[in-house]
């Protein structure tokens, strides 16, 4: 099973979803702006991405980032709270398969999660 944190208004997110579907992957679409991930989920995905900091999955160019008074030096707990409260700050799309994840920028990166078993329903890849 593959889950995509998806924003249908984002062209990169739409392209990544299309690539997954064309590959025959069993995809669950999570519209993360409406179904915001918890702080624990964000931390778990950060770890799956292999990132040392949340900054690697943060959209610091968003207006909300500035409105909240966040900076590149903001403490990790502040970034985590902001991302959980304002999911627009989370980079998109994020695709999770089992215990691995990728940020789909460029969208072709989602191919890193597709293995020979990807098309089988319920198969963790």
N, C-alpha and C. Protein backbone atom coordinates (compact mmCIF):
# COMPACT_ATOMS: atom_id res chain seq x y z
N UNK A 1 0.85 -1.19 0.00
CA UNK A 1 0.00 0.00 0.00
C UNK A 1 0.89 1.24 0.00
N UNK A 2 0.53 2.16 -0.81
CA UNK A 2 1.24 3.44 -0.91
C UNK A 2 0.25 4.54 -0.55
N UNK A 3 0.70 5.47 0.27
CA UNK A 3 -0.12 6.63 0.64
C UNK A 3 0.56 7.88 0.12
N UNK A 4 -0.22 8.74 -0.49
CA UNK A 4 0.30 10.03 -0.96
C UNK A 4 -0.39 11.13 -0.19
N UNK A 5 0.42 12.01 0.41
CA UNK A 5 -0.11 13.23 1.01
C UNK A 5 -0.27 14.18 -0.16
N UNK A 6 -1.50 14.39 -0.56
CA UNK A 6 -1.83 14.99 -1.85
C UNK A 6 -2.55 16.32 -1.70
N UNK A 7 -2.15 17.26 -2.55
CA UNK A 7 -2.87 18.52 -2.70
C UNK A 7 -3.28 18.58 -4.17
N UNK A 8 -4.57 18.41 -4.47
CA UNK A 8 -5.00 18.37 -5.86
C UNK A 8 -4.75 19.68 -6.63
N UNK A 9 -4.50 20.77 -5.93
CA UNK A 9 -4.22 22.04 -6.61
C UNK A 9 -2.76 22.16 -7.05
N UNK A 10 -1.92 21.22 -6.60
CA UNK A 10 -0.49 21.25 -6.90
C UNK A 10 -0.19 20.37 -8.10
N UNK A 11 0.43 20.94 -9.12
CA UNK A 11 0.72 20.17 -10.34
C UNK A 11 1.69 19.03 -10.06
N UNK A 12 2.67 19.23 -9.21
CA UNK A 12 3.64 18.16 -8.89
C UNK A 12 2.94 17.01 -8.17
N UNK A 13 2.01 17.35 -7.31
CA UNK A 13 1.26 16.32 -6.59
C UNK A 13 0.37 15.54 -7.57
N UNK A 14 -0.28 16.23 -8.46
CA UNK A 14 -1.12 15.55 -9.46
C UNK A 14 -0.27 14.65 -10.35
N UNK A 15 0.90 15.13 -10.76
CA UNK A 15 1.79 14.33 -11.61
C UNK A 15 2.27 13.08 -10.87
N UNK A 16 2.63 13.22 -9.61
CA UNK A 16 3.09 12.07 -8.83
C UNK A 16 1.98 11.04 -8.69
N UNK A 17 0.77 11.49 -8.42
CA UNK A 17 -0.36 10.57 -8.29
C UNK A 17 -0.60 9.84 -9.61
N UNK A 18 -0.54 10.55 -10.71
CA UNK A 18 -0.72 9.92 -12.02
C UNK A 18 0.35 8.86 -12.27
N UNK A 19 1.59 9.15 -11.94
CA UNK A 19 2.67 8.17 -12.12
C UNK A 19 2.42 6.92 -11.30
N UNK A 20 1.98 7.09 -10.07
CA UNK A 20 1.68 5.94 -9.21
C UNK A 20 0.54 5.11 -9.79
N UNK A 21 -0.50 5.79 -10.21
CA UNK A 21 -1.66 5.08 -10.78
C UNK A 21 -1.28 4.36 -12.07
N UNK A 22 -0.49 5.01 -12.91
CA UNK A 22 -0.07 4.38 -14.17
C UNK A 22 0.80 3.15 -13.91
N UNK A 23 1.51 3.16 -12.79
CA UNK A 23 2.36 2.01 -12.44
C UNK A 23 1.53 0.87 -11.84
N UNK A 24 0.24 1.12 -11.63
CA UNK A 24 -0.64 0.10 -11.08
C UNK A 24 -0.53 -0.05 -9.57
N UNK A 25 0.04 0.96 -8.91
CA UNK A 25 0.21 0.90 -7.45
C UNK A 25 -1.14 1.03 -6.76
N UNK A 26 -1.26 0.36 -5.63
CA UNK A 26 -2.43 0.46 -4.77
C UNK A 26 -2.22 1.72 -3.92
N UNK A 27 -2.90 2.80 -4.30
CA UNK A 27 -2.64 4.12 -3.71
C UNK A 27 -3.81 4.58 -2.85
N UNK A 28 -3.48 5.04 -1.65
CA UNK A 28 -4.43 5.73 -0.81
C UNK A 28 -4.09 7.21 -0.88
N UNK A 29 -5.07 8.02 -1.22
CA UNK A 29 -4.87 9.47 -1.33
C UNK A 29 -5.31 10.11 -0.03
N UNK A 30 -4.39 10.82 0.59
CA UNK A 30 -4.70 11.58 1.80
C UNK A 30 -4.60 13.05 1.46
N UNK A 31 -5.73 13.72 1.46
CA UNK A 31 -5.74 15.16 1.22
C UNK A 31 -5.33 15.83 2.53
N UNK A 32 -4.03 15.98 2.67
CA UNK A 32 -3.45 16.37 3.95
C UNK A 32 -3.84 17.78 4.40
N UNK A 33 -4.31 18.62 3.50
CA UNK A 33 -4.76 19.95 3.92
C UNK A 33 -6.10 19.85 4.66
N UNK A 34 -6.89 18.83 4.33
CA UNK A 34 -8.18 18.61 4.98
C UNK A 34 -8.07 17.60 6.13
N UNK A 35 -7.15 16.66 6.00
CA UNK A 35 -6.91 15.61 6.98
C UNK A 35 -5.47 15.75 7.44
N UNK A 36 -5.23 16.77 8.25
CA UNK A 36 -3.87 17.13 8.63
C UNK A 36 -3.20 16.02 9.44
N UNK A 37 -1.93 15.73 9.11
CA UNK A 37 -1.19 14.76 9.90
C UNK A 37 -0.86 15.32 11.28
N UNK A 38 -0.80 14.42 12.24
CA UNK A 38 -0.44 14.83 13.60
C UNK A 38 1.06 15.11 13.67
N UNK A 39 1.46 15.70 14.76
CA UNK A 39 2.89 15.95 14.97
C UNK A 39 3.66 14.64 14.95
N UNK A 40 3.10 13.59 15.53
CA UNK A 40 3.78 12.29 15.55
C UNK A 40 3.91 11.73 14.13
N UNK A 41 2.89 11.89 13.31
CA UNK A 41 2.96 11.42 11.92
C UNK A 41 4.02 12.19 11.15
N UNK A 42 4.08 13.49 11.36
CA UNK A 42 5.08 14.32 10.66
C UNK A 42 6.48 13.87 11.06
N UNK A 43 6.70 13.64 12.34
CA UNK A 43 8.01 13.19 12.79
C UNK A 43 8.36 11.82 12.21
N UNK A 44 7.37 10.91 12.16
CA UNK A 44 7.61 9.58 11.61
C UNK A 44 8.00 9.67 10.13
N UNK A 45 7.31 10.52 9.39
CA UNK A 45 7.62 10.67 7.97
C UNK A 45 8.98 11.33 7.79
N UNK A 46 9.31 12.30 8.63
CA UNK A 46 10.66 12.89 8.58
C UNK A 46 11.72 11.81 8.71
N UNK A 47 11.51 10.90 9.65
CA UNK A 47 12.46 9.81 9.85
C UNK A 47 12.50 8.88 8.63
N UNK A 48 11.34 8.57 8.05
CA UNK A 48 11.29 7.73 6.85
C UNK A 48 12.01 8.38 5.68
N UNK A 49 11.95 9.71 5.63
CA UNK A 49 12.63 10.46 4.57
C UNK A 49 14.13 10.52 4.82
N UNK A 50 14.56 10.17 6.03
CA UNK A 50 15.98 10.22 6.36
C UNK A 50 16.49 11.63 6.59
N UNK A 51 15.59 12.51 7.02
CA UNK A 51 15.96 13.90 7.24
C UNK A 51 16.36 14.13 8.69
N UNK A 52 17.39 14.90 8.90
CA UNK A 52 17.82 15.26 10.25
C UNK A 52 16.95 16.37 10.83
N UNK A 53 16.31 17.14 9.95
CA UNK A 53 15.53 18.30 10.38
C UNK A 53 14.22 18.36 9.60
N UNK A 54 13.23 18.93 10.24
CA UNK A 54 11.95 19.16 9.57
C UNK A 54 12.08 20.15 8.42
N UNK A 55 13.13 20.94 8.43
CA UNK A 55 13.31 21.96 7.39
C UNK A 55 13.31 21.35 5.99
N UNK A 56 13.70 20.08 5.88
CA UNK A 56 13.75 19.41 4.59
C UNK A 56 12.38 19.07 4.03
N UNK A 57 11.34 19.19 4.85
CA UNK A 57 9.99 18.92 4.37
C UNK A 57 9.05 20.11 4.65
N UNK A 58 9.65 21.27 4.79
CA UNK A 58 8.92 22.49 5.14
C UNK A 58 8.90 23.45 3.96
N UNK A 59 7.73 24.01 3.71
CA UNK A 59 7.57 25.01 2.65
C UNK A 59 7.76 26.40 3.27
N UNK A 60 9.00 26.82 3.38
CA UNK A 60 9.29 28.10 4.03
C UNK A 60 8.91 29.31 3.19
N UNK A 61 8.59 29.10 1.93
CA UNK A 61 8.18 30.21 1.08
C UNK A 61 6.70 30.55 1.19
N UNK A 62 5.97 29.75 1.94
CA UNK A 62 4.54 30.00 2.11
C UNK A 62 4.30 31.27 2.93
N UNK A 63 3.26 31.98 2.57
CA UNK A 63 2.87 33.20 3.28
C UNK A 63 2.64 32.89 4.78
N UNK A 64 2.05 31.75 5.07
CA UNK A 64 1.78 31.35 6.45
C UNK A 64 3.07 31.27 7.26
N UNK A 65 4.14 30.81 6.65
CA UNK A 65 5.43 30.70 7.33
C UNK A 65 5.84 32.07 7.87
N UNK A 66 5.74 33.08 7.04
CA UNK A 66 6.11 34.44 7.45
C UNK A 66 5.11 35.00 8.46
N UNK A 67 3.82 34.75 8.22
CA UNK A 67 2.79 35.27 9.13
C UNK A 67 2.95 34.72 10.55
N UNK A 68 3.46 33.49 10.65
CA UNK A 68 3.66 32.89 11.96
C UNK A 68 4.96 33.36 12.63
N UNK A 69 5.73 34.17 11.90
CA UNK A 69 6.99 34.67 12.44
C UNK A 69 8.10 33.63 12.48
N UNK A 70 7.95 32.59 11.67
CA UNK A 70 8.97 31.55 11.62
C UNK A 70 10.14 32.01 10.76
N UNK A 71 11.32 31.47 11.07
CA UNK A 71 12.52 31.77 10.31
C UNK A 71 13.30 30.47 10.11
N UNK A 72 14.37 30.55 9.35
CA UNK A 72 15.21 29.36 9.15
C UNK A 72 15.88 28.93 10.45
N UNK A 73 15.89 29.81 11.45
CA UNK A 73 16.49 29.49 12.74
C UNK A 73 15.47 29.07 13.80
N UNK A 74 14.20 28.97 13.41
CA UNK A 74 13.17 28.60 14.39
C UNK A 74 13.46 27.21 14.95
N UNK A 75 13.22 27.01 16.23
CA UNK A 75 13.45 25.70 16.85
C UNK A 75 12.55 24.62 16.24
N UNK A 76 13.06 23.40 16.18
CA UNK A 76 12.30 22.28 15.60
C UNK A 76 10.91 22.13 16.23
N UNK A 77 10.76 22.22 17.56
CA UNK A 77 9.41 22.07 18.13
C UNK A 77 8.43 23.12 17.59
N UNK A 78 8.91 24.33 17.34
CA UNK A 78 8.05 25.37 16.78
C UNK A 78 7.65 25.02 15.35
N UNK A 79 8.60 24.49 14.58
CA UNK A 79 8.30 24.09 13.20
C UNK A 79 7.30 22.95 13.19
N UNK A 80 7.49 21.99 14.07
CA UNK A 80 6.59 20.84 14.14
C UNK A 80 5.17 21.28 14.48
N UNK A 81 5.04 22.13 15.46
CA UNK A 81 3.71 22.63 15.84
C UNK A 81 3.07 23.38 14.68
N UNK A 82 3.85 24.20 14.01
CA UNK A 82 3.32 24.97 12.88
C UNK A 82 2.87 24.04 11.75
N UNK A 83 3.65 23.01 11.46
CA UNK A 83 3.30 22.09 10.38
C UNK A 83 2.05 21.29 10.71
N UNK A 84 1.90 20.88 11.95
CA UNK A 84 0.72 20.12 12.35
C UNK A 84 -0.53 20.99 12.38
N UNK A 85 -0.34 22.25 12.73
CA UNK A 85 -1.47 23.19 12.81
C UNK A 85 -1.81 23.80 11.46
N UNK A 86 -0.80 23.98 10.63
CA UNK A 86 -0.96 24.60 9.32
C UNK A 86 -0.32 23.69 8.27
N UNK A 87 -1.01 22.63 7.86
CA UNK A 87 -0.40 21.65 6.96
C UNK A 87 0.02 22.21 5.60
N UNK A 88 -0.40 23.41 5.26
CA UNK A 88 0.06 24.05 4.02
C UNK A 88 1.58 24.20 4.04
N UNK A 89 2.17 24.15 5.24
CA UNK A 89 3.62 24.30 5.38
C UNK A 89 4.39 23.02 5.05
N UNK A 90 3.67 21.91 4.88
CA UNK A 90 4.32 20.64 4.57
C UNK A 90 4.58 20.54 3.07
N UNK A 91 5.79 20.20 2.71
CA UNK A 91 6.15 20.01 1.30
C UNK A 91 5.26 18.94 0.69
N UNK A 92 5.01 19.07 -0.59
CA UNK A 92 4.13 18.13 -1.28
C UNK A 92 4.70 17.76 -2.63
N UNK A 93 4.31 16.61 -3.08
CA UNK A 93 3.64 15.54 -2.36
C UNK A 93 4.65 14.70 -1.58
N UNK A 94 4.18 14.10 -0.53
CA UNK A 94 4.98 13.10 0.19
C UNK A 94 4.31 11.76 -0.05
N UNK A 95 5.11 10.79 -0.44
CA UNK A 95 4.60 9.46 -0.73
C UNK A 95 5.27 8.48 0.24
N UNK A 96 4.43 7.67 0.89
CA UNK A 96 4.90 6.72 1.90
C UNK A 96 4.54 5.31 1.45
N UNK A 97 5.51 4.42 1.54
CA UNK A 97 5.30 3.00 1.26
C UNK A 97 6.01 2.21 2.35
N UNK A 98 5.25 1.57 3.20
CA UNK A 98 5.85 0.82 4.30
C UNK A 98 6.61 1.74 5.22
N UNK A 99 7.91 1.49 5.36
CA UNK A 99 8.73 2.31 6.25
C UNK A 99 9.63 3.27 5.47
N UNK A 100 9.27 3.50 4.21
CA UNK A 100 10.05 4.41 3.36
C UNK A 100 9.15 5.53 2.85
N UNK A 101 9.77 6.66 2.55
CA UNK A 101 9.01 7.79 2.02
C UNK A 101 9.91 8.61 1.09
N UNK A 102 9.27 9.33 0.18
CA UNK A 102 9.97 10.28 -0.68
C UNK A 102 9.11 11.52 -0.82
N UNK A 103 9.79 12.63 -1.07
CA UNK A 103 9.10 13.85 -1.47
C UNK A 103 9.10 13.83 -3.00
N UNK A 104 7.94 13.92 -3.59
CA UNK A 104 7.80 13.79 -5.04
C UNK A 104 8.15 15.05 -5.81
N UNK A 105 9.32 15.55 -5.60
CA UNK A 105 9.85 16.70 -6.33
C UNK A 105 11.24 16.35 -6.81
N UNK A 106 11.40 16.05 -8.05
CA UNK A 106 10.40 15.99 -9.11
C UNK A 106 9.49 14.76 -8.92
N UNK A 107 8.33 14.77 -9.57
CA UNK A 107 7.36 13.68 -9.40
C UNK A 107 7.94 12.29 -9.69
N UNK A 108 8.92 12.21 -10.56
CA UNK A 108 9.52 10.92 -10.92
C UNK A 108 10.18 10.23 -9.72
N UNK A 109 10.46 10.99 -8.66
CA UNK A 109 11.08 10.39 -7.46
C UNK A 109 10.18 9.34 -6.83
N UNK A 110 8.86 9.39 -7.10
CA UNK A 110 7.98 8.38 -6.51
C UNK A 110 8.33 6.99 -7.03
N UNK A 111 8.98 6.92 -8.18
CA UNK A 111 9.43 5.64 -8.73
C UNK A 111 10.39 4.93 -7.80
N UNK A 112 11.07 5.65 -6.93
CA UNK A 112 11.99 5.04 -5.97
C UNK A 112 11.27 4.08 -5.02
N UNK A 113 9.97 4.29 -4.84
CA UNK A 113 9.19 3.45 -3.94
C UNK A 113 8.52 2.27 -4.65
N UNK A 114 8.54 2.29 -5.96
CA UNK A 114 7.86 1.25 -6.72
C UNK A 114 8.81 0.09 -6.98
N UNK A 115 8.41 -1.06 -6.53
CA UNK A 115 9.18 -2.26 -6.78
C UNK A 115 8.39 -3.19 -7.66
N UNK A 116 8.89 -4.38 -7.91
CA UNK A 116 8.19 -5.32 -8.77
C UNK A 116 6.82 -5.74 -8.23
N UNK A 117 6.61 -5.56 -6.92
CA UNK A 117 5.34 -5.97 -6.31
C UNK A 117 4.36 -4.80 -6.20
N UNK A 118 4.71 -3.62 -6.67
CA UNK A 118 3.94 -2.40 -6.40
C UNK A 118 2.50 -2.48 -6.87
N UNK A 119 2.23 -3.19 -7.92
CA UNK A 119 0.89 -3.22 -8.45
C UNK A 119 -0.06 -4.13 -7.72
N UNK A 120 0.41 -4.95 -6.78
CA UNK A 120 -0.44 -5.88 -6.08
C UNK A 120 -1.08 -5.21 -4.88
N UNK A 121 -2.40 -5.29 -4.82
CA UNK A 121 -3.14 -4.66 -3.74
C UNK A 121 -2.67 -5.16 -2.39
N UNK A 122 -2.49 -4.24 -1.46
CA UNK A 122 -2.13 -4.59 -0.10
C UNK A 122 -0.66 -4.93 0.09
N UNK A 123 0.12 -4.84 -0.94
CA UNK A 123 1.53 -5.19 -0.82
C UNK A 123 2.33 -3.98 -0.38
N UNK A 124 3.07 -4.15 0.68
CA UNK A 124 3.96 -3.07 1.11
C UNK A 124 5.24 -3.18 0.29
N UNK A 125 5.65 -2.08 -0.25
CA UNK A 125 6.87 -2.08 -1.06
C UNK A 125 7.95 -1.26 -0.38
